[in-house]
Protein backbone atom coordinates (compact mmCIF):
# COMPACT_ATOMS: atom_id res chain seq x y z
CA MET A 1 28.75 -25.68 -56.37
CA GLY A 2 28.51 -28.81 -54.08
CA TYR A 3 30.84 -32.16 -54.12
CA VAL A 4 30.75 -35.63 -53.74
CA ALA A 5 34.27 -37.34 -52.68
CA ASP A 6 34.64 -41.06 -52.22
CA ARG A 7 37.98 -40.12 -50.70
CA TRP A 8 39.19 -37.23 -48.83
CA HIS A 9 42.09 -36.40 -51.51
CA LYS A 10 40.01 -36.89 -54.16
CA THR A 11 37.05 -35.23 -55.24
CA ARG A 12 34.86 -34.21 -58.44
CA PRO A 13 31.44 -32.02 -58.95
CA ALA A 14 28.47 -33.77 -57.83
CA PRO A 15 25.80 -34.55 -60.52
CA GLU A 16 23.19 -32.24 -61.26
CA ASP A 17 20.38 -32.86 -59.36
CA PRO A 18 17.08 -30.71 -59.63
CA GLU A 19 15.93 -31.24 -56.33
CA CYS A 20 18.90 -30.37 -54.41
CA GLY A 21 20.04 -26.71 -55.58
CA GLU A 22 23.02 -25.40 -56.26
CA HIS A 23 24.62 -24.47 -53.38
CA LYS A 24 24.33 -27.74 -51.59
CA GLY A 25 26.37 -31.27 -51.43
CA LEU A 26 28.31 -33.79 -49.51
CA VAL A 27 32.19 -33.95 -49.30
CA ALA A 28 34.73 -36.57 -47.25
CA SER A 29 35.44 -35.27 -44.31
CA LYS A 30 39.14 -35.22 -42.89
CA ALA A 31 38.08 -38.53 -40.81
CA HIS A 32 37.24 -39.77 -43.96
CA GLY A 33 37.37 -43.80 -43.42
CA LYS A 34 36.62 -43.85 -39.41
CA GLY A 35 33.82 -41.92 -37.58
CA LYS A 36 31.97 -39.59 -39.13
CA ARG A 37 33.25 -39.51 -42.53
CA TRP A 38 30.69 -37.51 -44.66
CA GLN A 39 30.16 -33.65 -44.67
CA ALA A 40 26.57 -32.01 -45.44
CA ARG A 41 27.07 -28.78 -46.88
CA TYR A 42 24.23 -25.81 -47.83
CA ASP A 43 23.66 -22.24 -47.58
CA ASP A 44 21.53 -20.83 -45.00
CA PRO A 45 18.51 -18.61 -46.05
CA ASN A 46 21.15 -15.47 -45.74
CA GLY A 47 23.81 -17.31 -48.45
CA ARG A 48 26.00 -18.52 -45.38
CA GLU A 49 27.53 -21.84 -45.81
CA ILE A 50 26.64 -24.55 -42.97
CA THR A 51 28.30 -27.64 -42.54
CA SER A 52 27.37 -30.63 -40.19
CA LEU A 53 29.60 -34.10 -40.05
CA HIS A 54 27.81 -37.66 -40.57
CA ARG A 55 28.67 -40.97 -40.36
CA THR A 56 27.22 -42.12 -43.78
CA LYS A 57 26.64 -40.66 -46.82
CA THR A 58 23.11 -41.42 -46.38
CA GLU A 59 22.90 -39.77 -43.09
CA ALA A 60 24.33 -36.44 -44.81
CA GLU A 61 21.86 -36.35 -47.95
CA LYS A 62 19.25 -36.61 -45.38
CA GLU A 63 20.56 -33.58 -43.44
CA ILE A 64 20.42 -31.47 -46.46
CA THR A 65 16.99 -32.89 -47.67
CA LYS A 66 15.77 -31.68 -44.18
CA GLN A 67 17.45 -28.26 -44.36
CA GLU A 68 16.25 -27.48 -47.68
CA ALA A 69 12.58 -28.47 -46.90
CA ALA A 70 13.07 -26.54 -43.66
CA LYS A 71 14.30 -23.34 -45.76
CA ASP A 72 11.16 -23.92 -48.45
CA SER A 73 8.62 -23.86 -45.67
CA GLY A 74 10.28 -20.92 -43.81
CA ALA A 75 10.69 -23.18 -40.72
CA TRP A 76 14.48 -23.14 -41.02
CA ILE A 77 16.67 -22.68 -37.54
CA ASP A 78 20.65 -22.48 -37.53
CA PRO A 79 21.40 -25.70 -35.90
CA LYS A 80 24.33 -23.93 -34.40
CA ALA A 81 22.08 -20.76 -33.21
CA GLY A 82 21.19 -22.65 -30.08
CA GLN A 83 24.99 -23.20 -28.87
CA VAL A 84 24.66 -19.60 -27.37
CA THR A 85 24.73 -19.49 -23.64
CA VAL A 86 21.56 -18.68 -21.84
CA ALA A 87 23.64 -15.74 -20.07
CA ALA A 88 25.07 -14.67 -23.30
CA TYR A 89 21.66 -14.55 -24.76
CA ALA A 90 19.52 -12.73 -22.11
CA LEU A 91 22.21 -10.25 -21.76
CA ASP A 92 23.43 -9.66 -24.88
CA THR A 93 20.42 -10.12 -27.22
CA TRP A 94 17.19 -10.31 -25.14
CA LEU A 95 17.98 -7.32 -22.44
CA PRO A 96 18.77 -4.32 -25.43
CA ALA A 97 15.74 -5.70 -27.28
CA GLN A 98 13.32 -4.75 -24.29
CA GLY A 99 13.34 -0.80 -25.40
CA ILE A 100 13.05 0.15 -21.53
CA ILE A 101 14.48 3.18 -19.48
CA ASP A 102 17.89 2.89 -17.74
CA ARG A 103 16.33 1.94 -14.38
CA SER A 104 14.05 -0.45 -15.69
CA VAL A 105 17.16 -2.36 -17.38
CA THR A 106 18.88 -2.10 -14.00
CA GLU A 107 15.84 -4.11 -12.48
CA TYR A 108 15.94 -6.74 -15.31
CA ARG A 109 19.36 -7.14 -15.28
CA GLY A 110 19.48 -7.86 -11.53
CA ALA A 111 16.68 -10.32 -11.41
CA ILE A 112 18.67 -12.53 -14.51
CA GLU A 113 21.80 -12.11 -12.67
CA ARG A 114 20.49 -13.23 -9.27
CA TYR A 115 17.81 -15.77 -10.37
CA LEU A 116 18.94 -17.13 -14.00
CA ILE A 117 22.16 -17.09 -14.55
CA PRO A 118 23.48 -18.85 -11.30
CA GLU A 119 21.23 -21.96 -12.53
CA TRP A 120 21.35 -21.78 -16.19
CA GLY A 121 23.73 -19.10 -17.23
CA ASN A 122 26.83 -21.48 -18.91
CA ARG A 123 24.15 -23.78 -20.20
CA GLN A 124 23.23 -23.68 -24.10
CA ILE A 125 20.16 -22.21 -24.65
CA ARG A 126 19.07 -25.22 -26.63
CA SER A 127 19.84 -27.53 -23.95
CA ILE A 128 17.03 -26.34 -21.33
CA LYS A 129 14.06 -28.92 -21.00
CA PRO A 130 10.74 -28.26 -19.86
CA SER A 131 10.84 -30.29 -16.97
CA GLU A 132 13.84 -27.74 -15.70
CA ALA A 133 11.78 -25.19 -16.76
CA GLY A 134 9.16 -25.79 -14.18
CA ALA A 135 11.62 -26.81 -11.58
CA TRP A 136 13.33 -23.65 -11.81
CA GLN A 137 10.07 -21.93 -11.35
CA LYS A 138 9.31 -23.59 -7.92
CA GLN A 139 12.98 -22.52 -6.94
CA LEU A 140 12.00 -19.07 -7.05
CA THR A 141 9.76 -19.59 -3.83
CA SER A 142 11.38 -22.77 -2.25
CA LYS A 143 15.03 -21.91 -2.88
CA TYR A 144 15.24 -17.86 -3.26
CA LYS A 145 12.43 -17.65 -0.84
CA LEU A 146 10.52 -14.95 -3.20
CA SER A 147 6.88 -14.27 -2.32
CA GLY A 148 4.07 -12.04 -3.53
CA ALA A 149 4.29 -10.82 -7.04
CA TYR A 150 7.90 -11.28 -7.40
CA PRO A 151 8.11 -14.67 -8.59
CA ASN A 152 5.57 -14.20 -11.09
CA ARG A 153 7.82 -10.99 -12.20
CA VAL A 154 10.46 -12.82 -12.71
CA ALA A 155 9.28 -16.00 -14.53
CA ARG A 156 7.93 -13.38 -16.90
CA TYR A 157 11.40 -11.72 -17.59
CA VAL A 158 12.76 -15.43 -18.03
CA ARG A 159 10.09 -16.77 -20.18
CA SER A 160 10.17 -13.85 -22.51
CA ILE A 161 13.72 -14.39 -22.94
CA PHE A 162 12.91 -17.80 -24.50
CA ARG A 163 10.00 -16.50 -26.23
CA LEU A 164 12.26 -13.98 -28.22
CA ALA A 165 14.71 -17.09 -28.75
CA VAL A 166 11.86 -19.00 -30.93
CA ILE A 167 11.40 -15.58 -32.60
CA ASP A 168 15.08 -15.13 -33.31
CA ARG A 169 14.82 -18.87 -34.76
CA VAL A 170 17.46 -19.74 -31.88
CA ILE A 171 15.36 -22.47 -30.56
CA PRO A 172 12.47 -24.39 -32.48
CA VAL A 173 10.31 -23.92 -29.35
CA SER A 174 10.44 -22.33 -25.75
CA PRO A 175 11.09 -24.83 -22.98
CA PHE A 176 8.30 -23.00 -20.89
CA ASP A 177 5.52 -23.76 -23.38
CA GLY A 178 2.97 -25.73 -21.27
CA ILE A 179 4.45 -24.78 -17.98
CA LYS A 180 2.12 -22.58 -16.18
CA ALA A 181 3.75 -19.60 -14.78
CA PRO A 182 3.81 -18.91 -11.13
CA THR A 183 0.37 -17.57 -9.85
CA LEU A 184 0.65 -13.84 -9.66
CA VAL A 185 -0.45 -12.85 -5.82
CA GLU A 186 -2.41 -9.73 -5.69
CA LYS A 187 -3.03 -8.49 -1.87
CA ALA A 188 -6.28 -7.05 -2.27
CA THR A 189 -5.88 -3.28 -1.35
CA GLN A 190 -8.27 -1.57 1.32
CA PRO A 191 -7.85 1.89 0.35
CA PRO A 192 -8.69 4.64 2.95
CA ASP A 193 -12.51 6.15 1.96
CA VAL A 194 -13.09 9.73 1.56
CA ALA A 195 -14.03 10.20 5.30
CA GLN A 196 -10.69 8.75 6.29
CA VAL A 197 -8.83 10.88 3.69
CA ARG A 198 -10.46 14.31 4.70
CA GLN A 199 -8.83 13.37 8.36
CA LEU A 200 -5.45 13.00 7.03
CA ILE A 201 -5.91 16.34 5.13
CA ALA A 202 -6.88 18.20 8.44
CA ALA A 203 -4.06 16.56 10.35
CA ALA A 204 -1.39 17.18 7.86
CA TYR A 205 1.69 19.55 9.64
CA ASN A 206 1.94 22.07 6.91
CA ASP A 207 0.20 23.40 3.74
CA ARG A 208 2.58 21.43 1.52
CA TRP A 209 1.66 17.56 2.92
CA LYS A 210 -2.15 18.78 3.10
CA ALA A 211 -1.96 19.79 -0.38
CA MET A 212 -0.16 16.91 -1.82
CA ILE A 213 -2.41 14.18 0.01
CA GLU A 214 -5.62 15.79 -1.14
CA LEU A 215 -4.55 16.24 -4.67
CA ASN A 216 -2.82 12.56 -4.91
CA ALA A 217 -6.72 11.62 -3.98
CA LEU A 218 -8.03 13.55 -6.56
CA THR A 219 -6.13 12.19 -9.43
CA GLY A 220 -4.06 9.05 -8.44
CA LEU A 221 -0.44 10.05 -9.14
CA ARG A 222 2.31 7.90 -8.23
CA SER A 223 5.10 9.31 -5.90
CA GLY A 224 7.41 9.82 -8.59
CA GLU A 225 4.85 11.82 -10.65
CA ILE A 226 3.29 14.04 -7.93
CA ARG A 227 6.89 14.87 -6.75
CA GLY A 228 7.70 15.68 -10.12
CA LEU A 229 4.67 17.65 -11.22
CA ARG A 230 5.51 21.08 -12.90
CA LEU A 231 3.01 23.77 -12.91
CA ASP A 232 3.38 24.04 -16.71
CA ARG A 233 1.85 20.65 -17.12
CA ILE A 234 -1.60 22.22 -15.72
CA ASP A 235 -3.97 23.38 -17.74
CA PHE A 236 -6.30 25.47 -15.80
CA LEU A 237 -8.52 26.49 -18.32
CA ARG A 238 -9.39 23.23 -19.83
CA ARG A 239 -9.06 21.68 -16.36
CA THR A 240 -6.55 18.77 -17.43
CA MET A 241 -3.03 17.49 -16.02
CA LEU A 242 -0.47 16.13 -18.56
CA VAL A 243 1.83 13.35 -16.78
CA ASP A 244 4.65 12.84 -18.54
CA GLN A 245 7.86 12.68 -16.04
CA GLN A 246 8.92 11.51 -12.68
CA LEU A 247 10.90 12.23 -9.85
CA VAL A 248 13.10 9.00 -9.14
CA TYR A 249 16.23 8.22 -7.19
CA GLU A 250 18.94 5.62 -8.28
CA LYS A 251 22.15 4.77 -6.04
CA GLY A 252 25.23 6.21 -7.39
CA ASN A 253 22.95 8.73 -9.36
CA GLY A 254 20.77 10.59 -6.65
CA MET A 255 17.47 12.04 -7.34
CA TYR A 256 16.55 13.02 -10.83
CA PHE A 257 13.95 13.56 -13.40
CA ASP A 258 13.37 10.63 -15.61
CA LYS A 259 10.77 9.71 -18.43
CA LEU A 260 7.73 7.21 -17.28
CA LYS A 261 8.25 3.40 -17.17
CA THR A 262 5.88 2.89 -20.15
CA GLY A 263 4.14 4.74 -22.83
CA ALA A 264 0.56 3.89 -21.05
CA GLY A 265 1.78 6.07 -18.05
CA LEU A 266 2.12 9.00 -20.67
CA ARG A 267 -1.42 10.38 -19.92
CA THR A 268 -3.50 13.32 -19.72
CA LEU A 269 -5.48 13.79 -16.49
CA PRO A 270 -8.92 15.39 -16.33
CA LEU A 271 -9.05 17.14 -13.24
CA SER A 272 -12.27 17.90 -11.17
CA LYS A 273 -13.02 21.52 -10.24
CA ARG A 274 -11.76 20.71 -6.80
CA ALA A 275 -8.48 19.72 -7.84
CA VAL A 276 -7.94 23.00 -10.25
CA ASP A 277 -9.25 25.40 -7.17
CA LEU A 278 -6.35 23.24 -4.63
CA LEU A 279 -3.70 23.50 -7.17
CA ALA A 280 -4.59 27.24 -8.28
CA ALA A 281 -5.02 28.25 -4.38
CA TYR A 282 -1.56 26.52 -3.81
CA VAL A 283 0.75 28.12 -6.35
CA GLN A 284 -0.77 31.09 -5.76
CA LYS A 285 0.40 30.95 -2.40
CA TYR A 286 3.63 29.24 -2.90
CA PRO A 287 4.74 30.11 -6.68
CA PRO A 288 7.26 27.67 -8.18
CA ARG A 289 10.87 28.42 -7.75
CA GLU A 290 12.67 29.89 -10.74
CA GLY A 291 16.31 28.10 -10.73
CA GLY A 292 17.69 25.60 -8.37
CA PRO A 293 16.81 21.72 -8.97
CA GLY A 294 13.19 22.23 -8.08
CA GLU A 295 12.47 24.95 -10.84
CA GLY A 296 8.97 24.90 -12.25
CA LEU A 297 7.95 22.39 -9.75
CA VAL A 298 4.74 22.62 -8.09
CA PHE A 299 6.00 20.98 -4.43
CA VAL A 300 9.12 21.47 -2.98
CA MET A 301 10.54 21.48 0.39
CA ALA A 302 10.75 24.59 2.26
CA ASP A 303 14.60 25.41 1.06
CA GLY A 304 13.21 24.54 -2.68
CA GLY A 305 15.08 21.35 -2.40
CA LEU A 306 13.36 18.02 -4.24
CA ILE A 307 11.13 15.89 -1.99
CA GLY A 308 12.36 12.57 -1.90
CA GLU A 309 10.06 9.28 -1.90
CA SER A 310 10.94 7.98 1.81
CA THR A 311 10.17 11.94 2.97
CA LEU A 312 6.83 11.59 1.35
CA ASP A 313 6.17 8.33 3.14
CA TYR A 314 7.48 9.58 6.69
CA ALA A 315 5.28 12.62 6.29
CA LEU A 316 1.91 10.44 5.50
CA LYS A 317 2.93 8.21 8.27
CA SER A 318 3.19 10.97 11.00
CA THR A 319 -0.08 12.38 9.70
CA CYS A 320 -1.72 8.90 10.27
CA LYS A 321 -0.35 8.89 13.61
CA LYS A 322 -1.57 12.33 14.22
CA ALA A 323 -4.82 11.63 13.11
CA LYS A 324 -5.20 8.60 14.90
CA VAL A 325 -6.12 6.13 11.83
CA PRO A 326 -4.30 2.98 10.94
CA ALA A 327 -0.86 3.61 8.70
CA ARG A 328 -0.88 4.09 5.28
CA HIS A 329 1.45 4.12 2.65
CA TRP A 330 1.60 6.77 0.02
CA HIS A 331 0.29 4.39 -2.90
CA GLU A 332 -3.06 3.69 -1.24
CA LEU A 333 -3.94 7.30 -2.30
CA ARG A 334 -3.56 5.80 -5.77
CA HIS A 335 -5.72 2.98 -4.51
CA HIS A 336 -8.52 5.39 -3.10
CA TYR A 337 -8.66 7.32 -6.52
CA ALA A 338 -9.41 4.27 -8.42
CA SER A 339 -11.88 3.01 -5.61
CA VAL A 340 -13.64 5.86 -6.24
CA LEU A 341 -13.92 5.57 -9.88
CA ILE A 342 -14.82 2.02 -9.39
CA ALA A 343 -17.53 2.82 -7.11
CA GLY A 344 -18.81 5.56 -9.56
CA GLY A 345 -19.36 3.47 -12.06
CA GLU A 346 -16.33 3.48 -14.43
CA ASN A 347 -15.34 0.55 -16.28
CA PRO A 348 -11.94 -1.08 -16.04
CA LYS A 349 -10.48 0.30 -19.49
CA VAL A 350 -11.53 3.99 -18.24
CA VAL A 351 -9.97 3.43 -14.85
CA GLN A 352 -6.87 1.53 -16.33
CA LYS A 353 -6.48 4.90 -18.58
CA ARG A 354 -6.51 6.86 -15.73
CA LEU A 355 -4.10 5.12 -13.63
CA GLY A 356 -1.40 4.84 -16.48
CA HIS A 357 -1.18 1.16 -16.24
CA LYS A 358 0.33 -1.04 -19.41
CA ASP A 359 -2.63 -3.03 -19.59
CA VAL A 360 -6.20 -3.48 -18.52
CA MET A 361 -5.23 -7.05 -16.84
CA THR A 362 -3.24 -5.20 -14.16
CA THR A 363 -6.17 -3.23 -13.36
CA LEU A 364 -8.30 -6.38 -13.12
CA ARG A 365 -6.17 -8.00 -11.24
CA THR A 366 -5.14 -5.16 -8.50
CA TYR A 367 -9.06 -4.02 -8.02
CA SER A 368 -10.70 -7.33 -8.98
CA HIS A 369 -12.25 -7.03 -5.26
CA LEU A 370 -13.55 -3.51 -5.37
CA PHE A 371 -14.98 -4.34 -8.88
CA ALA A 372 -16.84 -7.38 -7.22
CA GLU A 373 -18.29 -4.77 -4.62
CA ALA A 374 -19.81 -2.94 -7.45
CA GLU A 375 -22.24 -5.51 -7.98
CA GLU A 376 -25.24 -4.22 -6.40
CA GLN A 377 -24.25 -0.88 -8.35
CA THR A 378 -24.85 -2.61 -11.25
CA ARG A 379 -28.30 -3.96 -10.19
CA ASP A 380 -29.23 -0.45 -9.98
CA VAL A 381 -28.48 0.53 -13.03
CA LEU A 382 -30.44 -2.23 -14.56
CA ASP A 383 -33.67 -1.44 -12.46
CA ALA A 384 -33.05 2.17 -13.21
CA ALA A 385 -32.76 1.85 -16.82
CA TRP A 386 -35.74 -0.67 -17.24
CA ALA A 387 -38.03 1.31 -14.65
CA GLU A 388 -41.78 2.19 -15.97
CA PRO A 389 -42.71 5.57 -16.29
CA GLY A 390 -43.58 6.63 -12.91
CA GLU A 391 -41.44 4.44 -10.82
CA THR A 392 -38.69 5.52 -8.60
CA GLY A 393 -35.05 5.31 -10.23
CA SER A 394 -33.72 6.92 -13.35
CA VAL A 395 -30.75 6.01 -15.77
CA GLU A 396 -29.51 9.65 -15.38
CA GLU A 397 -29.12 9.14 -11.82
CA SER A 398 -25.19 8.44 -10.65
CA PRO A 399 -24.13 6.92 -7.64
CA GLN A 400 -21.19 9.45 -7.50
CA GLN A 401 -21.64 12.29 -5.41
CA GLY A 402 -22.53 15.23 -7.54
CA GLY A 403 -24.63 13.01 -9.79
CA ARG A 404 -22.09 12.75 -12.74
CA ILE A 405 -22.93 10.27 -15.19
CA PRO A 406 -19.66 8.14 -15.43
CA GLU A 407 -17.70 8.64 -19.08
CA SER A 408 -18.09 4.96 -19.77
CA ARG A 409 -21.78 5.21 -19.48
CA ARG A 410 -22.09 9.17 -20.90
CA ARG A 411 -25.18 8.92 -23.21
CA GLN A 412 -25.63 10.55 -26.51
CA GLY A 413 -27.78 14.06 -26.74
CA ALA A 414 -31.23 13.27 -28.19
CA LEU A 415 -33.99 15.59 -29.03
CA ARG A 416 -38.02 15.22 -28.50
CA GLN A 417 -40.98 17.01 -29.60
CA VAL A 418 -43.16 18.82 -26.91
CA SER A 419 -46.61 20.05 -27.08
CA GLY A 420 -46.80 23.50 -26.57
């Protein structure tokens, strides 16, 4: 029950008020007679008592009315919740709530500790203003000299912290609301074409690198995914490959097998006949080892050891030098795979699924210029679809080698009567 006091040492029950509720009221504070004399007291939605001090009885009554109305509307926020520091909320609440693998936790924590905590770590989270939020984002490039896509990535982490604080009812609104995120700078990819990939395969130093280069061009696997590929993930009969793990390196832990960073990365890839034949020939000549760190892996070093990412990159660069073509990174073979799908008419959602991207916007940002280059193909498809009988062009034709109709444009079967 609430109380009203006209002196600190003397209290009496508050009169019944049908609009006030049972668990709220006013009491005179210990400073009664000077300063903030009146204490507003009410229960939060969970039944926990909340108090605040005010100079006058009227101010205290207004506070109670305000908080009760907020509870009734579902908009109530604990006035004291926003007192948590930015560092405490980011590391103790936001980071554990991300549901990410350990390596990503290390990455996220590192970004927060390098770029956020030095600026706002000891500040109460409710104290950050929109003007400060905008200025902090600019510091990522001006003070910390971040470039490329990294300023946008770090800003996404921090904006997510404040967004969760709003959802948790720690603050009423994020200071980043209305503040545009740093521009996401995506470097246009210029992947090798089929002719250049063939040059690399021919110039590779041994069967291992030959097979890995060709398989990556045919599947678009990430470096860790192909280095961690196990034979039991390949279904030769159904011509599919399950991608569900990767081989990673972490300082202090060395190389180990880990799950994929996102659920979207978990995927089953359809394999072309060329890819199946390549794998079958390779594992017949080099059966996976039994025992040891490389047990069951399709690709290992000559001594059965695991293949490191730097080793794979060095092998490709050496192959490029031998083939007398521009130096390439292993990831560019993944871009090659995407470019072939796009040139063949696959839509962005199919490309996203094959690459294991978290969302289609990632696919569109990375390969937007390649989709733009497919405009002429779109015109050809439309011309073929509307061609009159006897005209050249057919909707069944495909720009892809072999005449395969892209999955995203596959037609349903149909029957028609023919004269005998």
